[in-house]
Amino acid sequence: MTSVLNPIVYDPRTVSHILGIPCECSDPVPQQAKDGEIVVYYGGWDLQQQRASTAGKQRMWQDQDWYEKYGWKADPGYYRLLLPVPHSNGQFWSEQLRQLAALGSAWQPAPVCVAATALLVHLTETGNDLLTSDWCRCAEPLPDEYRVVLAVIRGRVSVGYGWDDRRYDSLWLSSACRKS
């Protein structure tokens, strides 16, 4: 799997239109993402709100609700994402973090709600899976050394529970860098 070759930018108006969720932002739209990056405006929605959105009803698994008790959110704003981090496949979590550190200190594992926004918006807009049928680990830890993971399965965003910190051939790292 390779990351997206062309840079992609989703501004608040586009994200709002695709998700069917109102959002306001007076920040200037970043002029361009770097190759392989996705720049997306994230409006502070949790996964439950995304699942209930117009796009979510079509492109997220509706029977997944285990994550509602966590209420994960991140600060609203523009985020640069790598979905997935290049060369992070088949590595332990600690190895993936070292791979990420090589990209620069601003890059961190992506919050699941931000990565899910990017996957959902891109999938709805283009019909394309940024992860090409693989999975990506997100920032949020779960009990028993598990991590929250995302994938697109049969044309819908899936939020997974149950991938531990070991190596898996189809498990990449997601990363995000908040734009100021």
C-alpha atoms as a PDB file:
ATOM      1  CA  MET A   1       0.000   0.000   0.000  1.00  0.00           C
ATOM      2  CA  THR A   2       1.181   3.488  -0.742  1.00  0.00           C
ATOM      3  CA  SER A   3      -0.120   6.756   0.584  1.00  0.00           C
ATOM      4  CA  VAL A   4      -2.135   9.182  -1.486  1.00  0.00           C
ATOM      5  CA  LEU A   5       0.086  10.556  -4.250  1.00  0.00           C
ATOM      6  CA  ASN A   6      -1.635  13.857  -4.812  1.00  0.00           C
ATOM      7  CA  PRO A   7      -2.274  16.293  -1.977  1.00  0.00           C
ATOM      8  CA  ILE A   8      -5.905  16.752  -0.950  1.00  0.00           C
ATOM      9  CA  VAL A   9      -7.555  19.670   0.881  1.00  0.00           C
ATOM     10  CA  TYR A  10     -11.070  19.569   2.363  1.00  0.00           C
ATOM     11  CA  ASP A  11     -12.162  22.992   3.646  1.00  0.00           C
ATOM     12  CA  PRO A  12     -15.009  23.595   6.157  1.00  0.00           C
ATOM     13  CA  ARG A  13     -17.594  24.321   3.462  1.00  0.00           C
ATOM     14  CA  THR A  14     -16.802  21.077   1.636  1.00  0.00           C
ATOM     15  CA  VAL A  15     -16.689  19.021   4.842  1.00  0.00           C
ATOM     16  CA  SER A  16     -19.994  20.529   6.010  1.00  0.00           C
ATOM     17  CA  HIS A  17     -21.627  19.819   2.661  1.00  0.00           C
ATOM     18  CA  ILE A  18     -20.393  16.212   2.520  1.00  0.00           C
ATOM     19  CA  LEU A  19     -21.169  15.348   6.140  1.00  0.00           C
ATOM     20  CA  GLY A  20     -24.354  17.368   6.351  1.00  0.00           C
ATOM     21  CA  ILE A  21     -23.122  18.880   9.625  1.00  0.00           C
ATOM     22  CA  PRO A  22     -22.927  22.669   9.944  1.00  0.00           C
ATOM     23  CA  CYS A  23     -19.480  24.049  10.660  1.00  0.00           C
ATOM     24  CA  GLU A  24     -18.056  27.539  10.732  1.00  0.00           C
ATOM     25  CA  CYS A  25     -14.417  28.486  10.449  1.00  0.00           C
ATOM     26  CA  SER A  26     -12.865  31.854   9.754  1.00  0.00           C
ATOM     27  CA  ASP A  27      -9.323  30.475   9.447  1.00  0.00           C
ATOM     28  CA  PRO A  28      -7.833  30.787   5.982  1.00  0.00           C
ATOM     29  CA  VAL A  29      -7.883  27.607   3.917  1.00  0.00           C
ATOM     30  CA  PRO A  30      -4.374  26.158   3.625  1.00  0.00           C
ATOM     31  CA  GLN A  31      -3.189  26.763   0.093  1.00  0.00           C
ATOM     32  CA  GLN A  32      -1.894  23.295  -0.510  1.00  0.00           C
ATOM     33  CA  ALA A  33      -1.038  20.053   1.186  1.00  0.00           C
ATOM     34  CA  LYS A  34       2.269  18.362   0.524  1.00  0.00           C
ATOM     35  CA  ASP A  35       2.362  15.219  -1.618  1.00  0.00           C
ATOM     36  CA  GLY A  36       0.805  12.332   0.251  1.00  0.00           C
ATOM     37  CA  GLU A  37      -0.976  14.566   2.760  1.00  0.00           C
ATOM     38  CA  ILE A  38      -4.626  15.198   3.349  1.00  0.00           C
ATOM     39  CA  VAL A  39      -5.589  18.512   4.880  1.00  0.00           C
ATOM     40  CA  VAL A  40      -9.047  18.352   6.397  1.00  0.00           C
ATOM     41  CA  TYR A  41     -11.093  20.695   8.507  1.00  0.00           C
ATOM     42  CA  TYR A  42     -12.359  18.865  11.589  1.00  0.00           C
ATOM     43  CA  GLY A  43     -15.200  20.542  13.476  1.00  0.00           C
ATOM     44  CA  GLY A  44     -14.990  18.831  16.875  1.00  0.00           C
ATOM     45  CA  TRP A  45     -17.431  15.986  16.174  1.00  0.00           C
ATOM     46  CA  ASP A  46     -17.309  12.714  18.044  1.00  0.00           C
ATOM     47  CA  LEU A  47     -17.747   9.398  16.238  1.00  0.00           C
ATOM     48  CA  GLN A  48     -21.412   9.152  17.173  1.00  0.00           C
ATOM     49  CA  GLN A  49     -22.134  12.508  15.497  1.00  0.00           C
ATOM     50  CA  GLN A  50     -20.200  11.407  12.418  1.00  0.00           C
ATOM     51  CA  ARG A  51     -22.107   8.114  12.261  1.00  0.00           C
ATOM     52  CA  ALA A  52     -25.423  10.032  12.488  1.00  0.00           C
ATOM     53  CA  SER A  53     -24.414  12.522   9.767  1.00  0.00           C
ATOM     54  CA  THR A  54     -25.756  12.342   6.232  1.00  0.00           C
ATOM     55  CA  ALA A  55     -22.508  10.797   4.992  1.00  0.00           C
ATOM     56  CA  GLY A  56     -22.162   8.608   8.071  1.00  0.00           C
ATOM     57  CA  LYS A  57     -25.565   7.016   7.527  1.00  0.00           C
ATOM     58  CA  GLN A  58     -24.355   5.956   4.081  1.00  0.00           C
ATOM     59  CA  ARG A  59     -20.656   5.311   4.715  1.00  0.00           C
ATOM     60  CA  MET A  60     -20.170   4.254   8.368  1.00  0.00           C
ATOM     61  CA  TRP A  61     -21.172   0.988   9.970  1.00  0.00           C
ATOM     62  CA  GLN A  62     -24.376   1.809  11.841  1.00  0.00           C
ATOM     63  CA  ASP A  63     -24.242  -1.219  14.142  1.00  0.00           C
ATOM     64  CA  GLN A  64     -20.970  -0.064  15.710  1.00  0.00           C
ATOM     65  CA  ASP A  65     -21.605   1.895  18.878  1.00  0.00           C
ATOM     66  CA  TRP A  66     -19.083   0.458  21.351  1.00  0.00           C
ATOM     67  CA  TYR A  67     -17.047   3.665  21.171  1.00  0.00           C
ATOM     68  CA  GLU A  68     -19.843   6.016  22.263  1.00  0.00           C
ATOM     69  CA  LYS A  69     -18.889   5.677  25.935  1.00  0.00           C
ATOM     70  CA  TYR A  70     -15.486   7.216  25.203  1.00  0.00           C
ATOM     71  CA  GLY A  71     -16.730  10.430  23.546  1.00  0.00           C
ATOM     72  CA  TRP A  72     -13.425  11.018  21.769  1.00  0.00           C
ATOM     73  CA  LYS A  73     -12.964  14.486  20.282  1.00  0.00           C
ATOM     74  CA  ALA A  74     -10.079  16.716  19.281  1.00  0.00           C
ATOM     75  CA  ASP A  75      -9.755  20.468  18.994  1.00  0.00           C
ATOM     76  CA  PRO A  76     -11.567  21.852  15.938  1.00  0.00           C
ATOM     77  CA  GLY A  77      -9.372  23.152  13.138  1.00  0.00           C
ATOM     78  CA  TYR A  78      -7.344  22.134  10.128  1.00  0.00           C
ATOM     79  CA  TYR A  79      -5.262  18.980  10.371  1.00  0.00           C
ATOM     80  CA  ARG A  80      -2.607  17.582   8.074  1.00  0.00           C
ATOM     81  CA  LEU A  81      -2.868  13.803   7.939  1.00  0.00           C
ATOM     82  CA  LEU A  82      -0.939  10.883   6.591  1.00  0.00           C
ATOM     83  CA  LEU A  83      -3.301   7.974   6.048  1.00  0.00           C
ATOM     84  CA  PRO A  84      -1.246   5.848   6.308  1.00  0.00           C
ATOM     85  CA  VAL A  85       2.243   6.804   7.510  1.00  0.00           C
ATOM     86  CA  PRO A  86       4.626   5.552   4.823  1.00  0.00           C
ATOM     87  CA  HIS A  87       6.684   2.468   5.749  1.00  0.00           C
ATOM     88  CA  SER A  88       4.756   1.909   9.027  1.00  0.00           C
ATOM     89  CA  ASN A  89       3.184  -1.399   8.040  1.00  0.00           C
ATOM     90  CA  GLY A  90       4.052  -4.599   9.896  1.00  0.00           C
ATOM     91  CA  GLN A  91       5.631  -2.836  12.868  1.00  0.00           C
ATOM     92  CA  PHE A  92       5.107  -2.856  16.606  1.00  0.00           C
ATOM     93  CA  TRP A  93       3.435   0.287  17.980  1.00  0.00           C
ATOM     94  CA  SER A  94       6.796   1.457  19.378  1.00  0.00           C
ATOM     95  CA  GLU A  95       8.433   0.994  15.965  1.00  0.00           C
ATOM     96  CA  GLN A  96       5.625   2.915  14.303  1.00  0.00           C
ATOM     97  CA  LEU A  97       6.166   5.783  16.739  1.00  0.00           C
ATOM     98  CA  ARG A  98       9.881   5.869  15.861  1.00  0.00           C
ATOM     99  CA  GLN A  99       8.961   5.903  12.163  1.00  0.00           C
ATOM    100  CA  LEU A 100       6.650   8.836  12.851  1.00  0.00           C
ATOM    101  CA  ALA A 101       9.286  10.732  14.851  1.00  0.00           C
ATOM    102  CA  ALA A 102      11.546  10.612  11.798  1.00  0.00           C
ATOM    103  CA  LEU A 103       8.963  12.792   9.998  1.00  0.00           C
ATOM    104  CA  GLY A 104       9.249  15.550  12.611  1.00  0.00           C
ATOM    105  CA  SER A 105       8.129  16.357  16.129  1.00  0.00           C
ATOM    106  CA  ALA A 106       4.848  17.965  15.017  1.00  0.00           C
ATOM    107  CA  TRP A 107       3.515  14.628  13.742  1.00  0.00           C
ATOM    108  CA  GLN A 108       1.602  12.539  16.264  1.00  0.00           C
ATOM    109  CA  PRO A 109      -0.670   9.491  15.973  1.00  0.00           C
ATOM    110  CA  ALA A 110      -3.984  10.761  14.617  1.00  0.00           C
ATOM    111  CA  PRO A 111      -6.985  11.139  16.910  1.00  0.00           C
ATOM    112  CA  VAL A 112      -9.569   8.622  15.713  1.00  0.00           C
ATOM    113  CA  CYS A 113     -12.247  11.274  15.219  1.00  0.00           C
ATOM    114  CA  VAL A 114      -9.970  13.347  12.956  1.00  0.00           C
ATOM    115  CA  ALA A 115      -8.812  10.341  10.922  1.00  0.00           C
ATOM    116  CA  ALA A 116     -12.406   9.093  10.658  1.00  0.00           C
ATOM    117  CA  THR A 117     -13.490  12.519   9.355  1.00  0.00           C
ATOM    118  CA  ALA A 118     -10.851  12.391   6.627  1.00  0.00           C
ATOM    119  CA  LEU A 119     -11.729   8.791   5.672  1.00  0.00           C
ATOM    120  CA  LEU A 120     -15.459   9.485   5.672  1.00  0.00           C
ATOM    121  CA  VAL A 121     -15.247  12.731   3.698  1.00  0.00           C
ATOM    122  CA  HIS A 122     -12.843  11.293   1.118  1.00  0.00           C
ATOM    123  CA  LEU A 123     -14.783   8.046   0.743  1.00  0.00           C
ATOM    124  CA  THR A 124     -18.066   9.912   0.298  1.00  0.00           C
ATOM    125  CA  GLU A 125     -16.601  12.455  -2.128  1.00  0.00           C
ATOM    126  CA  THR A 126     -14.574  10.078  -4.312  1.00  0.00           C
ATOM    127  CA  GLY A 127     -15.609   6.510  -3.485  1.00  0.00           C
ATOM    128  CA  ASN A 128     -11.932   5.768  -2.783  1.00  0.00           C
ATOM    129  CA  ASP A 129     -10.515   4.111   0.321  1.00  0.00           C
ATOM    130  CA  LEU A 130      -7.393   5.967   1.492  1.00  0.00           C
ATOM    131  CA  LEU A 131      -6.230   2.813   3.296  1.00  0.00           C
ATOM    132  CA  THR A 132      -6.812   0.485   0.333  1.00  0.00           C
ATOM    133  CA  SER A 133      -8.500  -2.206   2.449  1.00  0.00           C
ATOM    134  CA  ASP A 134      -5.902  -2.103   5.233  1.00  0.00           C
ATOM    135  CA  TRP A 135      -6.185  -0.825   8.821  1.00  0.00           C
ATOM    136  CA  CYS A 136      -4.557   2.088  10.632  1.00  0.00           C
ATOM    137  CA  ARG A 137      -3.844   2.529  14.319  1.00  0.00           C
ATOM    138  CA  CYS A 138      -5.006   5.743  15.943  1.00  0.00           C
ATOM    139  CA  ALA A 139      -3.876   7.654  19.025  1.00  0.00           C
ATOM    140  CA  GLU A 140      -6.447   6.368  21.514  1.00  0.00           C
ATOM    141  CA  PRO A 141      -5.399   3.491  23.751  1.00  0.00           C
ATOM    142  CA  LEU A 142      -7.945   0.941  24.925  1.00  0.00           C
ATOM    143  CA  PRO A 143      -7.868  -1.504  27.844  1.00  0.00           C
ATOM    144  CA  ASP A 144      -5.569  -4.541  27.631  1.00  0.00           C
ATOM    145  CA  GLU A 145      -2.969  -2.797  25.423  1.00  0.00           C
ATOM    146  CA  TYR A 146      -5.311  -2.471  22.459  1.00  0.00           C
ATOM    147  CA  ARG A 147      -5.612   0.543  20.162  1.00  0.00           C
ATOM    148  CA  VAL A 148      -8.479   2.038  18.241  1.00  0.00           C
ATOM    149  CA  VAL A 149      -8.109   1.268  14.536  1.00  0.00           C
ATOM    150  CA  LEU A 150      -9.885   2.348  11.365  1.00  0.00           C
ATOM    151  CA  ALA A 151     -10.527   0.671   8.042  1.00  0.00           C
ATOM    152  CA  VAL A 152     -12.942   0.863   5.156  1.00  0.00           C
ATOM    153  CA  ILE A 153     -14.792  -2.427   4.857  1.00  0.00           C
ATOM    154  CA  ARG A 154     -17.252  -3.020   2.019  1.00  0.00           C
ATOM    155  CA  GLY A 155     -17.488   0.714   1.345  1.00  0.00           C
ATOM    156  CA  ARG A 156     -18.046   1.801   4.951  1.00  0.00           C
ATOM    157  CA  VAL A 157     -15.767   3.246   7.635  1.00  0.00           C
ATOM    158  CA  SER A 158     -15.237   0.725  10.423  1.00  0.00           C
ATOM    159  CA  VAL A 159     -13.982   1.657  13.900  1.00  0.00           C
ATOM    160  CA  GLY A 160     -12.177  -1.337  15.313  1.00  0.00           C
ATOM    161  CA  TYR A 161     -11.320  -2.541  18.789  1.00  0.00           C
ATOM    162  CA  GLY A 162      -8.996  -5.413  19.370  1.00  0.00           C
ATOM    163  CA  TRP A 163      -5.684  -4.783  17.638  1.00  0.00           C
ATOM    164  CA  ASP A 164      -2.943  -4.958  20.218  1.00  0.00           C
ATOM    165  CA  ASP A 165       0.503  -3.402  19.921  1.00  0.00           C
ATOM    166  CA  ARG A 166       2.043  -6.287  17.969  1.00  0.00           C
ATOM    167  CA  ARG A 167       3.030  -6.454  14.292  1.00  0.00           C
ATOM    168  CA  TYR A 168       0.405  -7.137  11.660  1.00  0.00           C
ATOM    169  CA  ASP A 169       0.913  -7.091   7.891  1.00  0.00           C
ATOM    170  CA  SER A 170      -2.196  -5.035   7.167  1.00  0.00           C
ATOM    171  CA  LEU A 171      -1.880  -2.555  10.056  1.00  0.00           C
ATOM    172  CA  TRP A 172      -0.393   0.875   9.442  1.00  0.00           C
ATOM    173  CA  LEU A 173      -0.117   3.982  11.582  1.00  0.00           C
ATOM    174  CA  SER A 174      -2.244   7.089  11.071  1.00  0.00           C
ATOM    175  CA  SER A 175      -0.757  10.477  11.863  1.00  0.00           C
ATOM    176  CA  ALA A 176      -1.897  14.031  12.201  1.00  0.00           C
ATOM    177  CA  CYS A 177      -0.378  17.427  12.670  1.00  0.00           C
ATOM    178  CA  ARG A 178      -2.675  20.260  13.734  1.00  0.00           C
ATOM    179  CA  LYS A 179      -2.349  23.346  11.586  1.00  0.00           C
ATOM    180  CA  SER A 180      -2.408  26.661  13.380  1.00  0.00           C
END
